Amino acid sequence: MLGCPLPRLEARVLLEAASGRRREWLIAHGDEPADEPAAAAFESLARRRLGGEPIAYLVGAREFAGRRFATTPAVLVPRPDTETLVGFALAHAPARGRVLDLGTGSGAIAITLACERDDLRIVATDRSEAALAIARRNAEALCPRALETGRLELRAGDWWSCIGDGERFDLVASNPPYVADDDPHLREGDLRFEPRDALAAGADGLDALRAIVQGAAPHIAPDGWIALEHGYEQGAAVRALLAGRGWREVATRPDGAGRPRITCARPFL
């Protein structure tokens, strides 16, 4: 890592991946030269990282809520902000409740819920077959029993299209795309490498949120909840979407950094 322009922590993570050695070993042998294959692999990864590729894609995984999730360019990189949504779901899903995760991506939300609450029955959907393959891979690694018993079910479909007319859930959670199509951040940094359809959602970034809210009422139990992640400047707009359709107890909650991050509500009576 000597002379590497990357931040030290990033360089160490890449060196772990390149060498196949754990962090503790690398620290204990920090004064030893790396072997040629590890050095060459590290140099390649470092070049790609300097070009902006997310570390999660370079090493093939990202930690989320204390678990390691396989991550490829087919899915959005799981972010700590989304742990706010998971925390709400864990606190508000009733015992033996049915939970729906719309747009599951890597499966981070649904799988974390399945691991933390073995009483829940969870359906996770995504329109991307490639994303569902990653979600299944993560479920097989982290909660195989939930898959085997059907307590966690993966479905292919765009928002409500794969949900039956009579299906109702006690809690619906979603981290949909919510960036405006022309947002310059989409052309900068790590975001350039993430799937655009998991990030961008129309001129104002609200197209996916609108679709979810418009179709939600028939699929949520009377005492159920919907919880939606959004950009920190979109809280008022998402509250208006829900209030405009008669939802009650509409409120926006902050993430760990204090930024407005999820808006939740209950269906009208």
Protein backbone atom coordinates (compact mmCIF):
# COMPACT_ATOMS: atom_id res chain seq x y z
CA MET A 1 0.00 0.00 0.00
CA LEU A 2 3.05 2.25 0.28
CA GLY A 3 2.65 5.22 -2.05
CA CYS A 4 -0.97 4.30 -2.91
CA PRO A 5 -3.05 7.49 -3.36
CA LEU A 6 -6.19 5.83 -1.98
CA PRO A 7 -7.37 6.52 1.58
CA ARG A 8 -5.72 4.03 3.93
CA LEU A 9 -8.96 2.25 4.86
CA GLU A 10 -9.96 1.78 1.23
CA ALA A 11 -6.49 0.51 0.37
CA ARG A 12 -6.62 -2.00 3.21
CA VAL A 13 -10.02 -3.32 2.12
CA LEU A 14 -8.74 -3.81 -1.42
CA LEU A 15 -5.58 -5.48 -0.16
CA GLU A 16 -7.69 -7.92 1.85
CA ALA A 17 -9.56 -8.82 -1.33
CA ALA A 18 -6.39 -9.03 -3.44
CA SER A 19 -4.44 -11.17 -0.98
CA GLY A 20 -7.22 -13.28 0.47
CA ARG A 21 -5.87 -12.39 3.93
CA ARG A 22 -7.90 -11.12 6.85
CA ARG A 23 -7.30 -7.64 8.26
CA GLU A 24 -5.67 -8.96 11.41
CA TRP A 25 -3.08 -10.90 9.40
CA LEU A 26 -2.28 -7.86 7.26
CA ILE A 27 -1.78 -5.69 10.33
CA ALA A 28 0.49 -8.29 11.95
CA HIS A 29 2.56 -8.65 8.76
CA GLY A 30 2.44 -5.04 7.64
CA ASP A 31 6.20 -4.78 7.15
CA GLU A 32 6.37 -7.78 4.80
CA PRO A 33 6.23 -7.34 1.00
CA ALA A 34 3.15 -8.70 -0.76
CA ASP A 35 3.65 -11.64 -3.09
CA GLU A 36 3.54 -10.88 -6.82
CA PRO A 37 0.00 -12.16 -7.54
CA ALA A 38 -1.44 -10.20 -4.59
CA ALA A 39 0.48 -7.08 -5.57
CA ALA A 40 -0.74 -7.30 -9.18
CA ALA A 41 -4.34 -7.89 -8.07
CA PHE A 42 -4.16 -4.98 -5.66
CA GLU A 43 -2.75 -2.67 -8.33
CA SER A 44 -5.61 -3.57 -10.67
CA LEU A 45 -8.26 -2.99 -7.99
CA ALA A 46 -6.65 0.29 -6.93
CA ARG A 47 -6.67 1.58 -10.52
CA ARG A 48 -10.34 0.74 -10.85
CA ARG A 49 -11.15 2.39 -7.52
CA LEU A 50 -9.27 5.53 -8.55
CA GLY A 51 -11.47 5.48 -11.65
CA GLY A 52 -14.53 5.66 -9.41
CA GLU A 53 -15.79 2.08 -9.19
CA PRO A 54 -17.50 1.41 -5.85
CA ILE A 55 -15.48 -0.69 -3.45
CA ALA A 56 -18.53 -2.92 -2.94
CA TYR A 57 -18.36 -3.97 -6.59
CA LEU A 58 -14.59 -4.41 -6.53
CA VAL A 59 -14.65 -6.76 -3.55
CA GLY A 60 -18.09 -8.22 -4.32
CA ALA A 61 -19.76 -7.44 -1.01
CA ARG A 62 -20.99 -4.73 1.35
CA GLU A 63 -21.87 -4.87 5.03
CA PHE A 64 -25.42 -3.91 5.91
CA ALA A 65 -26.94 -4.08 9.40
CA GLY A 66 -24.08 -6.27 10.58
CA ARG A 67 -24.25 -8.80 7.72
CA ARG A 68 -22.19 -9.19 4.57
CA PHE A 69 -24.26 -8.98 1.39
CA ALA A 70 -22.99 -10.03 -2.02
CA THR A 71 -23.09 -6.97 -4.28
CA THR A 72 -22.58 -6.66 -8.04
CA PRO A 73 -23.30 -3.92 -10.61
CA ALA A 74 -26.73 -5.53 -11.04
CA VAL A 75 -27.87 -4.02 -7.72
CA LEU A 76 -27.60 -0.78 -5.83
CA VAL A 77 -24.91 -0.78 -3.16
CA PRO A 78 -26.65 -1.12 0.25
CA ARG A 79 -26.29 2.06 2.29
CA PRO A 80 -26.43 2.76 6.02
CA ASP A 81 -29.31 5.22 5.42
CA THR A 82 -31.57 2.28 4.61
CA GLU A 83 -31.03 0.81 8.06
CA THR A 84 -33.50 3.49 9.21
CA LEU A 85 -36.17 1.83 7.09
CA VAL A 86 -35.27 -1.61 8.46
CA GLY A 87 -35.43 -0.31 12.02
CA PHE A 88 -38.91 1.07 11.45
CA ALA A 89 -40.08 -2.21 9.95
CA LEU A 90 -38.68 -4.26 12.83
CA ALA A 91 -40.42 -2.02 15.35
CA HIS A 92 -43.80 -1.82 13.61
CA ALA A 93 -44.39 -5.17 11.92
CA PRO A 94 -46.80 -7.09 14.17
CA ALA A 95 -46.08 -10.57 15.47
CA ARG A 96 -46.47 -13.14 12.68
CA GLY A 97 -47.14 -10.30 10.28
CA ARG A 98 -46.82 -10.25 6.50
CA VAL A 99 -44.24 -7.83 5.11
CA LEU A 100 -43.64 -6.72 1.52
CA ASP A 101 -40.32 -5.31 0.29
CA LEU A 102 -40.87 -3.62 -3.07
CA GLY A 103 -37.76 -3.31 -5.25
CA THR A 104 -35.56 -5.51 -3.09
CA GLY A 105 -32.32 -5.26 -5.11
CA SER A 106 -29.66 -7.16 -3.16
CA GLY A 107 -32.32 -8.26 -0.68
CA ALA A 108 -30.78 -6.22 2.14
CA ILE A 109 -34.11 -5.12 3.63
CA ALA A 110 -36.06 -8.36 3.28
CA ILE A 111 -33.21 -10.62 4.35
CA THR A 112 -32.34 -8.50 7.37
CA LEU A 113 -35.98 -8.65 8.46
CA ALA A 114 -36.05 -12.42 7.93
CA CYS A 115 -32.89 -12.84 10.00
CA GLU A 116 -34.02 -10.58 12.82
CA ARG A 117 -37.67 -11.67 13.04
CA ASP A 118 -38.33 -15.36 12.43
CA ASP A 119 -42.06 -14.79 12.96
CA LEU A 120 -42.47 -12.64 9.86
CA ARG A 121 -43.57 -13.83 6.43
CA ILE A 122 -41.88 -11.74 3.81
CA VAL A 123 -42.35 -11.20 0.08
CA ALA A 124 -39.55 -9.40 -1.78
CA THR A 125 -40.00 -8.21 -5.35
CA ASP A 126 -37.87 -6.74 -8.11
CA ARG A 127 -38.40 -6.24 -11.83
CA SER A 128 -34.76 -7.17 -12.49
CA GLU A 129 -34.08 -10.89 -12.78
CA ALA A 130 -30.37 -10.16 -12.29
CA ALA A 131 -31.12 -8.38 -9.03
CA LEU A 132 -33.34 -11.23 -7.85
CA ALA A 133 -30.49 -13.67 -8.54
CA ILE A 134 -28.26 -11.65 -6.19
CA ALA A 135 -31.04 -11.46 -3.59
CA ARG A 136 -31.48 -15.23 -3.78
CA ARG A 137 -27.73 -15.74 -3.42
CA ASN A 138 -27.75 -13.57 -0.30
CA ALA A 139 -30.78 -15.31 1.14
CA GLU A 140 -29.20 -18.73 0.60
CA ALA A 141 -26.11 -17.54 2.45
CA LEU A 142 -27.77 -15.61 5.29
CA CYS A 143 -31.22 -17.10 5.89
CA PRO A 144 -31.54 -20.36 3.92
CA ARG A 145 -34.22 -21.76 6.20
CA ALA A 146 -36.50 -18.80 5.47
CA LEU A 147 -36.25 -19.59 1.75
CA GLU A 148 -36.73 -23.32 2.22
CA THR A 149 -39.89 -22.89 4.29
CA GLY A 150 -41.35 -20.15 2.11
CA ARG A 151 -41.20 -17.64 4.94
CA LEU A 152 -39.18 -15.49 2.51
CA GLU A 153 -40.47 -15.43 -1.05
CA LEU A 154 -38.81 -13.71 -4.02
CA ARG A 155 -40.98 -12.55 -6.93
CA ALA A 156 -40.26 -10.92 -10.28
CA GLY A 157 -42.37 -7.91 -11.11
CA ASP A 158 -42.58 -4.13 -11.33
CA TRP A 159 -43.99 -2.70 -8.09
CA TRP A 160 -47.52 -4.09 -7.61
CA SER A 161 -47.64 -6.20 -10.79
CA CYS A 162 -46.69 -9.46 -9.06
CA ILE A 163 -48.95 -8.94 -6.03
CA GLY A 164 -52.31 -10.70 -6.19
CA ASP A 165 -55.55 -8.74 -6.06
CA GLY A 166 -56.49 -10.17 -2.68
CA GLU A 167 -53.05 -10.03 -1.06
CA ARG A 168 -52.67 -7.76 1.95
CA PHE A 169 -49.65 -6.99 4.09
CA ASP A 170 -49.21 -5.64 7.58
CA LEU A 171 -46.23 -3.56 6.49
CA VAL A 172 -44.93 -2.47 3.09
CA ALA A 173 -41.37 -1.15 2.91
CA SER A 174 -39.51 0.18 -0.11
CA ASN A 175 -36.29 1.92 -0.99
CA PRO A 176 -37.21 2.84 -4.58
CA PRO A 177 -35.27 4.99 -7.04
CA TYR A 178 -35.77 8.65 -6.11
CA VAL A 179 -33.13 10.70 -7.94
CA ALA A 180 -34.21 13.09 -10.71
CA ASP A 181 -33.21 11.97 -14.20
CA ASP A 182 -31.08 15.06 -14.81
CA ASP A 183 -29.39 15.12 -11.40
CA PRO A 184 -25.69 15.81 -12.07
CA HIS A 185 -24.67 13.42 -9.27
CA LEU A 186 -25.66 10.54 -11.56
CA ARG A 187 -22.66 11.43 -13.70
CA GLU A 188 -20.23 11.72 -10.80
CA GLY A 189 -18.29 9.39 -8.53
CA ASP A 190 -19.57 5.97 -7.56
CA LEU A 191 -23.09 6.60 -8.87
CA ARG A 192 -21.82 6.35 -12.47
CA PHE A 193 -21.35 2.62 -11.94
CA GLU A 194 -24.60 1.76 -10.17
CA PRO A 195 -27.71 0.64 -12.10
CA ARG A 196 -29.43 3.80 -13.29
CA ASP A 197 -32.92 2.30 -13.07
CA ALA A 198 -32.32 1.70 -9.35
CA LEU A 199 -31.45 5.37 -8.86
CA ALA A 200 -33.37 7.63 -11.24
CA ALA A 201 -37.15 8.05 -11.33
CA GLY A 202 -38.38 10.76 -13.65
CA ALA A 203 -38.04 14.51 -13.90
CA ASP A 204 -38.54 15.11 -10.17
CA GLY A 205 -37.36 11.74 -8.88
CA LEU A 206 -40.82 10.85 -7.60
CA ASP A 207 -42.19 8.58 -10.36
CA ALA A 208 -41.51 5.34 -8.48
CA LEU A 209 -42.82 6.74 -5.21
CA ARG A 210 -46.01 7.85 -6.97
CA ALA A 211 -46.52 4.40 -8.46
CA ILE A 212 -46.06 2.75 -5.08
CA VAL A 213 -48.43 5.12 -3.27
CA GLN A 214 -51.07 4.92 -6.01
CA GLY A 215 -51.26 1.15 -5.84
CA ALA A 216 -50.74 0.61 -2.12
CA ALA A 217 -54.14 0.97 -0.45
CA PRO A 218 -55.71 -2.35 -1.56
CA HIS A 219 -52.66 -4.28 -0.37
CA ILE A 220 -52.21 -2.99 3.19
CA ALA A 221 -54.15 -4.21 6.20
CA PRO A 222 -56.35 -1.57 7.89
CA ASP A 223 -53.94 -1.28 10.83
CA GLY A 224 -50.87 -1.72 8.65
CA TRP A 225 -48.06 0.61 7.64
CA ILE A 226 -46.25 1.80 4.57
CA ALA A 227 -42.68 3.06 4.96
CA LEU A 228 -40.83 4.67 2.07
CA GLU A 229 -37.22 5.79 1.81
CA HIS A 230 -36.57 9.01 -0.12
CA GLY A 231 -34.09 11.84 -0.58
CA TYR A 232 -33.57 14.20 2.33
CA GLU A 233 -35.28 17.05 0.41
CA GLN A 234 -38.31 14.97 -0.62
CA GLY A 235 -40.05 14.50 2.72
CA ALA A 236 -42.70 17.15 2.11
CA ALA A 237 -43.45 15.83 -1.37
CA VAL A 238 -43.85 12.24 -0.17
CA ARG A 239 -46.05 13.34 2.73
CA ALA A 240 -48.22 15.20 0.23
CA LEU A 241 -48.52 12.09 -1.96
CA LEU A 242 -49.77 10.05 0.99
CA ALA A 243 -51.99 12.73 2.53
CA GLY A 244 -53.51 13.41 -0.89
CA ARG A 245 -54.83 9.86 -0.99
CA GLY A 246 -56.27 10.02 2.52
CA TRP A 247 -53.55 8.19 4.44
CA ARG A 248 -53.31 8.90 8.17
CA GLU A 249 -50.49 9.29 10.70
CA VAL A 250 -48.25 10.55 7.92
CA ALA A 251 -44.81 11.40 9.29
CA THR A 252 -41.21 11.70 8.14
CA ARG A 253 -38.41 10.24 10.26
CA PRO A 254 -34.68 11.04 10.24
CA ASP A 255 -31.77 8.76 9.50
CA GLY A 256 -28.76 8.35 11.78
CA ALA A 257 -27.32 11.64 10.55
CA GLY A 258 -30.53 13.52 11.36
CA ARG A 259 -31.61 13.93 7.72
CA PRO A 260 -35.25 13.30 6.73
CA ARG A 261 -35.05 9.78 5.27
CA ILE A 262 -38.27 7.76 5.47
CA THR A 263 -41.93 8.70 5.40
CA CYS A 264 -44.46 6.35 6.93
CA ALA A 265 -48.25 6.28 7.06
CA ARG A 266 -51.28 4.11 7.74
CA PRO A 267 -54.18 3.62 5.30
CA PHE A 268 -57.37 5.58 5.66
CA LEU A 269 -60.09 3.89 7.70
